[in-house]
């Protein structure tokens, strides 16, 4: 039974829920006296198979009817929508005025219910393209840790759920409470940048081989002044043909792919060397240190120095 005066949080667990995401929900809400958390699932109380563990639900979908916040962690098999009863319960909770929150691939459940249509949302960067393809009416923003769109909030992969959870505490109880919770979790109250800095590589994967030799050549000549004319001559095609067919293979233009490849090279150097940002700019083709900093802020939402501090292990870092 709900306790009067406490904010009711219903955590909707679906089969394959990751242990860490379920644990984040528990750490944020189950140990805070401001909240009362209920674990619920389709089918009523009982065990729910998670990813390497078993979660125990204490309620069925009826718990969503009285919750002020409904939180959906990730789940497996996102290519298949959750059961219709789950989607109906999510729609009813939203229509009633509940705040809907997702962690990682939990966004797929909200999207399947039609609740993200025409709205900005995020998910784990590895699943962002799939979310775009399956639900084209969703405005997917893969570079964000979390998105607060008022009554619906979505977060990126796994630990971004901590960022969103602290944001919810900040909204509900104020900055001091969020800071206390962050200290308890040994987490920053706010992280700078976004999940773009965690993406393995920014340059697009190719679906064809016609320009594979050109792309390989570009990766070994990043420091050079590469124009579209230089690339077209190298590929023995016209500018127009190169642009059209390169986009067919990669989904982007040659120059945009080149810019992303230069970011990838600079990131690699920051992570694995103590080379100065000035030299990294020359080696990657990004240019002067000011240009490197501008590119990092534009693409990753952080500075080269902050990126190096986050990802480089051991040894003194270079100057930025």
Protein backbone atom coordinates (compact mmCIF):
# COMPACT_ATOMS: atom_id res chain seq x y z
CA UNK A 1 0.00 0.00 0.00
CA UNK A 2 1.24 3.47 -0.87
CA UNK A 3 2.48 5.65 1.97
CA UNK A 4 0.77 9.02 2.17
CA UNK A 5 2.95 11.98 1.31
CA UNK A 6 5.67 10.04 -0.50
CA UNK A 7 6.21 10.32 -4.24
CA UNK A 8 5.25 7.00 -5.81
CA UNK A 9 7.75 5.56 -8.32
CA UNK A 10 6.79 2.49 -10.34
CA UNK A 11 9.78 0.76 -11.91
CA UNK A 12 8.51 -1.28 -14.83
CA UNK A 13 10.86 -4.22 -15.39
CA UNK A 14 10.71 -6.08 -18.67
CA UNK A 15 12.51 -9.37 -19.46
CA UNK A 16 16.24 -8.92 -19.87
CA UNK A 17 16.50 -5.83 -17.68
CA UNK A 18 20.21 -5.07 -17.05
CA UNK A 19 21.30 -5.45 -13.45
CA UNK A 20 23.08 -2.10 -13.36
CA UNK A 21 20.11 -0.14 -14.68
CA UNK A 22 17.78 -1.84 -12.22
CA UNK A 23 20.30 -1.11 -9.48
CA UNK A 24 20.49 2.56 -10.46
CA UNK A 25 16.73 2.88 -10.02
CA UNK A 26 16.96 1.23 -6.61
CA UNK A 27 19.90 3.38 -5.47
CA UNK A 28 18.21 6.60 -6.52
CA UNK A 29 14.66 5.95 -5.35
CA UNK A 30 14.44 2.97 -2.96
CA UNK A 31 16.82 4.45 -0.38
CA UNK A 32 15.40 7.99 -0.39
CA UNK A 33 12.56 8.66 2.10
CA UNK A 34 11.05 11.19 -0.30
CA UNK A 35 10.15 8.32 -2.66
CA UNK A 36 8.34 5.04 -2.39
CA UNK A 37 9.44 2.61 -5.11
CA UNK A 38 7.43 -0.32 -6.40
CA UNK A 39 8.82 -2.89 -8.83
CA UNK A 40 6.14 -4.02 -11.25
CA UNK A 41 5.84 -6.10 -14.39
CA UNK A 42 3.37 -7.52 -16.85
CA UNK A 43 1.85 -10.63 -15.30
CA UNK A 44 1.88 -9.54 -11.67
CA UNK A 45 4.19 -10.19 -8.73
CA UNK A 46 6.97 -12.69 -9.22
CA UNK A 47 10.43 -13.23 -10.72
CA UNK A 48 11.49 -11.43 -13.89
CA UNK A 49 14.51 -12.79 -15.80
CA UNK A 50 17.14 -10.08 -16.01
CA UNK A 51 20.48 -9.94 -17.77
CA UNK A 52 22.45 -12.36 -15.58
CA UNK A 53 20.16 -12.07 -12.55
CA UNK A 54 16.52 -12.32 -11.54
CA UNK A 55 14.49 -9.31 -10.47
CA UNK A 56 11.48 -9.71 -8.20
CA UNK A 57 8.38 -7.72 -9.01
CA UNK A 58 5.99 -7.00 -6.16
CA UNK A 59 3.13 -5.71 -8.29
CA UNK A 60 1.57 -5.91 -11.71
CA UNK A 61 0.77 -3.18 -14.20
CA UNK A 62 -1.88 -1.79 -11.88
CA UNK A 63 0.97 -0.10 -9.98
CA UNK A 64 1.36 2.35 -12.86
CA UNK A 65 -2.12 3.73 -12.17
CA UNK A 66 -1.10 5.31 -8.87
CA UNK A 67 2.49 6.30 -9.63
CA UNK A 68 3.69 9.86 -9.96
CA UNK A 69 6.73 8.60 -11.87
CA UNK A 70 6.95 5.52 -14.09
CA UNK A 71 10.51 4.44 -14.83
CA UNK A 72 11.37 1.94 -17.57
CA UNK A 73 14.93 0.56 -17.51
CA UNK A 74 16.36 -1.13 -20.58
CA UNK A 75 15.30 -4.58 -21.76
CA UNK A 76 16.40 -7.14 -24.33
CA UNK A 77 14.81 -7.77 -27.70
CA UNK A 78 14.03 -4.13 -28.41
CA UNK A 79 13.29 -5.03 -32.04
CA UNK A 80 9.99 -6.50 -30.78
CA UNK A 81 7.59 -4.13 -28.97
CA UNK A 82 6.55 -5.06 -25.42
CA UNK A 83 3.14 -6.71 -24.97
CA UNK A 84 0.10 -4.58 -25.74
CA UNK A 85 -0.91 -4.59 -22.06
CA UNK A 86 2.38 -2.89 -21.19
CA UNK A 87 1.96 -0.29 -23.92
CA UNK A 88 -1.65 0.39 -22.88
CA UNK A 89 -0.56 0.84 -19.26
CA UNK A 90 2.17 3.30 -20.29
CA UNK A 91 -0.30 5.29 -22.40
CA UNK A 92 -2.81 5.37 -19.57
CA UNK A 93 -0.18 6.51 -17.07
CA UNK A 94 0.89 9.31 -19.40
CA UNK A 95 -2.70 10.38 -20.08
CA UNK A 96 -3.31 10.48 -16.33
CA UNK A 97 -0.39 12.86 -15.87
CA UNK A 98 2.37 10.58 -14.60
CA UNK A 99 6.00 11.48 -15.35
CA UNK A 100 7.51 8.85 -17.66
CA UNK A 101 11.23 8.11 -17.50
CA UNK A 102 13.43 5.68 -19.42
CA UNK A 103 16.98 4.46 -18.97
CA UNK A 104 18.94 3.29 -22.01
CA UNK A 105 16.80 1.05 -24.28
CA UNK A 106 13.75 1.65 -22.10
CA UNK A 107 13.08 4.42 -24.64
CA UNK A 108 12.00 1.71 -27.09
CA UNK A 109 9.03 0.86 -24.85
CA UNK A 110 7.95 4.51 -24.73
CA UNK A 111 8.42 4.80 -28.50
CA UNK A 112 6.43 1.62 -29.15
CA UNK A 113 3.59 3.15 -27.14
CA UNK A 114 3.70 6.21 -29.42
CA UNK A 115 4.61 8.47 -26.51
CA UNK A 116 7.81 9.79 -28.13
CA UNK A 117 6.25 10.74 -31.46
CA UNK A 118 7.31 14.27 -32.38
CA UNK A 119 9.44 14.57 -29.24
CA UNK A 120 13.18 14.61 -28.56
CA UNK A 121 14.58 11.49 -26.93
CA UNK A 122 17.85 9.68 -26.40
CA UNK A 123 19.06 6.14 -25.78
CA UNK A 124 22.36 4.26 -25.73
CA UNK A 125 24.46 5.44 -28.69
CA UNK A 126 24.70 1.87 -30.02
CA UNK A 127 20.91 1.74 -30.37
CA UNK A 128 20.29 5.28 -31.60
CA UNK A 129 20.20 4.38 -35.29
CA UNK A 130 17.86 1.46 -34.60
CA UNK A 131 15.54 3.76 -32.67
CA UNK A 132 15.53 6.18 -35.62
CA UNK A 133 14.76 3.44 -38.12
CA UNK A 134 12.04 1.73 -36.11
CA UNK A 135 10.38 4.93 -34.91
CA UNK A 136 11.08 7.67 -37.48
CA UNK A 137 8.71 10.12 -35.77
CA UNK A 138 11.00 10.28 -32.74
CA UNK A 139 13.58 13.09 -32.72
CA UNK A 140 16.56 11.00 -31.62
CA UNK A 141 19.45 12.96 -30.08
CA UNK A 142 22.25 10.47 -29.63
CA UNK A 143 24.74 12.96 -28.18
CA UNK A 144 22.87 13.63 -24.94
CA UNK A 145 23.25 12.02 -21.51
CA UNK A 146 19.58 12.66 -20.90
CA UNK A 147 16.71 14.72 -22.25
CA UNK A 148 14.09 16.40 -20.10
CA UNK A 149 11.03 17.05 -22.23
CA UNK A 150 8.76 17.90 -19.35
CA UNK A 151 6.51 14.94 -18.64
CA UNK A 152 8.76 12.47 -20.50
CA UNK A 153 12.46 12.09 -19.76
CA UNK A 154 14.90 9.72 -21.47
CA UNK A 155 18.52 8.87 -20.74
CA UNK A 156 21.41 7.40 -22.66
CA UNK A 157 23.12 4.12 -21.90
CA UNK A 158 23.44 2.54 -18.48
CA UNK A 159 25.23 4.97 -16.12
CA UNK A 160 23.53 7.93 -17.78
CA UNK A 161 20.61 6.72 -15.70
CA UNK A 162 22.50 8.11 -12.70
CA UNK A 163 22.68 11.51 -14.39
CA UNK A 164 18.96 11.46 -15.06
CA UNK A 165 18.15 10.14 -11.59
CA UNK A 166 20.08 12.98 -9.96
CA UNK A 167 18.29 15.41 -12.26
CA UNK A 168 14.95 14.06 -11.02
CA UNK A 169 16.04 14.44 -7.39
CA UNK A 170 17.12 18.00 -8.21
CA UNK A 171 13.70 18.74 -9.70
CA UNK A 172 11.78 17.13 -6.85
CA UNK A 173 13.84 18.13 -3.82
CA UNK A 174 16.29 20.82 -4.91
CA UNK A 175 20.05 21.02 -5.63
CA UNK A 176 21.16 20.29 -2.06
CA UNK A 177 19.36 16.94 -2.02
CA UNK A 178 20.75 16.03 -5.44
CA UNK A 179 24.27 16.91 -4.29
CA UNK A 180 23.88 14.74 -1.19
CA UNK A 181 22.69 11.83 -3.30
CA UNK A 182 25.55 12.35 -5.74
CA UNK A 183 28.08 12.24 -2.90
CA UNK A 184 26.54 9.02 -1.62
CA UNK A 185 26.82 7.51 -5.12
CA UNK A 186 30.37 8.90 -5.53
CA UNK A 187 29.16 10.51 -8.75
CA UNK A 188 29.40 14.04 -10.13
CA UNK A 189 26.21 16.04 -9.57
CA UNK A 190 26.37 17.03 -13.24
CA UNK A 191 28.55 15.64 -15.99
CA UNK A 192 29.82 17.91 -18.72
CA UNK A 193 29.46 17.10 -22.39
CA UNK A 194 27.35 14.18 -23.52
CA UNK A 195 27.58 10.57 -24.56
CA UNK A 196 29.14 11.55 -27.90
CA UNK A 197 32.53 11.37 -26.17
CA UNK A 198 31.91 7.66 -25.43
CA UNK A 199 31.11 6.60 -29.00
CA UNK A 200 33.80 4.22 -30.27
CA UNK A 201 34.21 6.06 -33.55
CA UNK A 202 32.45 9.03 -35.06
CA UNK A 203 33.06 8.33 -38.71
CA UNK A 204 30.18 6.47 -40.32
CA UNK A 205 30.42 2.77 -41.09
CA UNK A 206 30.25 2.00 -44.80
CA UNK A 207 27.71 -0.33 -46.38
CA UNK A 208 29.59 -0.61 -49.70
CA UNK A 209 33.15 -1.15 -50.94
CA UNK A 210 33.33 1.11 -54.00
CA UNK A 211 35.22 3.82 -52.10
CA UNK A 212 36.86 1.60 -49.47
CA UNK A 213 40.34 2.24 -50.96
CA UNK A 214 39.69 5.99 -50.87
CA UNK A 215 38.56 5.90 -47.25
CA UNK A 216 41.63 3.89 -46.28
CA UNK A 217 43.83 6.41 -48.08
CA UNK A 218 42.07 9.31 -46.34
CA UNK A 219 42.80 7.74 -42.92
CA UNK A 220 46.53 7.68 -43.71
CA UNK A 221 46.58 11.25 -45.06
CA UNK A 222 44.51 13.10 -42.45
CA UNK A 223 47.27 15.65 -41.86
CA UNK A 224 47.15 16.80 -45.48
CA UNK A 225 44.97 19.49 -47.01
CA UNK A 226 42.26 17.27 -48.49
CA UNK A 227 39.63 19.00 -50.59
CA UNK A 228 36.73 17.46 -52.46
CA UNK A 229 38.68 17.97 -55.69
CA UNK A 230 41.68 16.08 -54.29
CA UNK A 231 39.44 13.22 -53.21
CA UNK A 232 37.61 13.08 -56.54
CA UNK A 233 40.90 12.90 -58.45
CA UNK A 234 42.13 10.18 -56.14
CA UNK A 235 38.95 8.17 -56.76
CA UNK A 236 39.03 8.89 -60.52
CA UNK A 237 35.47 10.21 -60.54
CA UNK A 238 33.82 13.58 -60.83
CA UNK A 239 33.03 15.68 -57.76
CA UNK A 240 29.31 15.08 -58.22
CA UNK A 241 29.73 11.31 -58.60
CA UNK A 242 31.97 11.12 -55.54
CA UNK A 243 29.56 13.05 -53.35
CA UNK A 244 26.54 11.03 -54.48
CA UNK A 245 28.09 7.57 -54.28
CA UNK A 246 30.06 8.27 -51.11
CA UNK A 247 26.83 9.28 -49.40
CA UNK A 248 25.16 6.12 -50.69
CA UNK A 249 27.87 4.04 -49.00
CA UNK A 250 28.25 5.94 -45.73
CA UNK A 251 25.14 8.07 -45.28
CA UNK A 252 27.25 11.22 -45.19
CA UNK A 253 29.40 13.42 -47.43
CA UNK A 254 33.15 12.86 -48.00
CA UNK A 255 34.08 16.03 -46.13
CA UNK A 256 31.82 15.26 -43.17
CA UNK A 257 33.28 11.74 -43.00
CA UNK A 258 36.77 13.25 -43.12
CA UNK A 259 35.96 15.65 -40.27
CA UNK A 260 34.71 12.76 -38.13
CA UNK A 261 37.79 10.68 -38.98
CA UNK A 262 40.01 13.54 -37.83
CA UNK A 263 38.11 13.72 -34.54
CA UNK A 264 38.59 9.96 -34.13
CA UNK A 265 42.34 10.30 -34.73
CA UNK A 266 42.63 13.17 -32.25
CA UNK A 267 40.72 11.19 -29.64
CA UNK A 268 43.04 8.21 -30.14
CA UNK A 269 46.10 10.39 -29.65
CA UNK A 270 44.66 12.02 -26.53
CA UNK A 271 43.86 8.62 -25.05
CA UNK A 272 47.14 6.85 -25.86
CA UNK A 273 49.87 9.52 -25.91
CA UNK A 274 51.08 12.58 -24.06
CA UNK A 275 51.41 14.49 -27.32
CA UNK A 276 50.51 18.17 -27.07
CA UNK A 277 47.24 19.40 -28.49
CA UNK A 278 49.21 21.58 -30.92
CA UNK A 279 50.90 18.50 -32.41
CA UNK A 280 47.66 16.50 -32.32
CA UNK A 281 46.08 19.25 -34.41
CA UNK A 282 48.82 18.82 -37.03
CA UNK A 283 48.74 15.01 -37.04
CA UNK A 284 44.95 14.78 -37.26
CA UNK A 285 44.46 17.62 -39.70
CA UNK A 286 42.26 19.56 -37.28
CA UNK A 287 44.69 22.48 -37.33
CA UNK A 288 45.66 24.95 -34.65
CA UNK A 289 44.89 24.27 -30.96
CA UNK A 290 41.96 26.70 -31.10
CA UNK A 291 40.52 24.71 -34.01
CA UNK A 292 40.98 21.45 -32.12
CA UNK A 293 39.18 22.87 -29.09
CA UNK A 294 36.37 24.19 -31.26
CA UNK A 295 35.98 20.83 -33.01
CA UNK A 296 35.88 18.96 -29.70
CA UNK A 297 33.26 21.29 -28.24
CA UNK A 298 31.20 21.03 -31.42
CA UNK A 299 31.39 17.24 -31.81
CA UNK A 300 31.87 15.99 -28.24
CA UNK A 301 30.66 18.79 -25.99
CA UNK A 302 33.95 18.88 -24.10
CA UNK A 303 37.52 20.20 -24.41
CA UNK A 304 40.60 18.18 -25.43
CA UNK A 305 42.02 18.53 -21.92
CA UNK A 306 38.80 17.35 -20.28
CA UNK A 307 38.64 14.45 -22.72
CA UNK A 308 42.24 13.45 -21.98
CA UNK A 309 41.66 13.68 -18.24
CA UNK A 310 38.64 11.39 -18.55
CA UNK A 311 40.09 8.75 -20.86
CA UNK A 312 43.85 8.78 -20.49
CA UNK A 313 45.28 6.42 -17.87
CA UNK A 314 48.74 7.01 -16.39
CA UNK A 315 51.42 9.48 -17.29
CA UNK A 316 51.26 13.25 -17.43
CA UNK A 317 48.88 14.75 -19.92
CA UNK A 318 49.90 17.15 -22.63
CA UNK A 319 49.07 20.82 -22.77
CA UNK A 320 45.87 22.09 -24.29
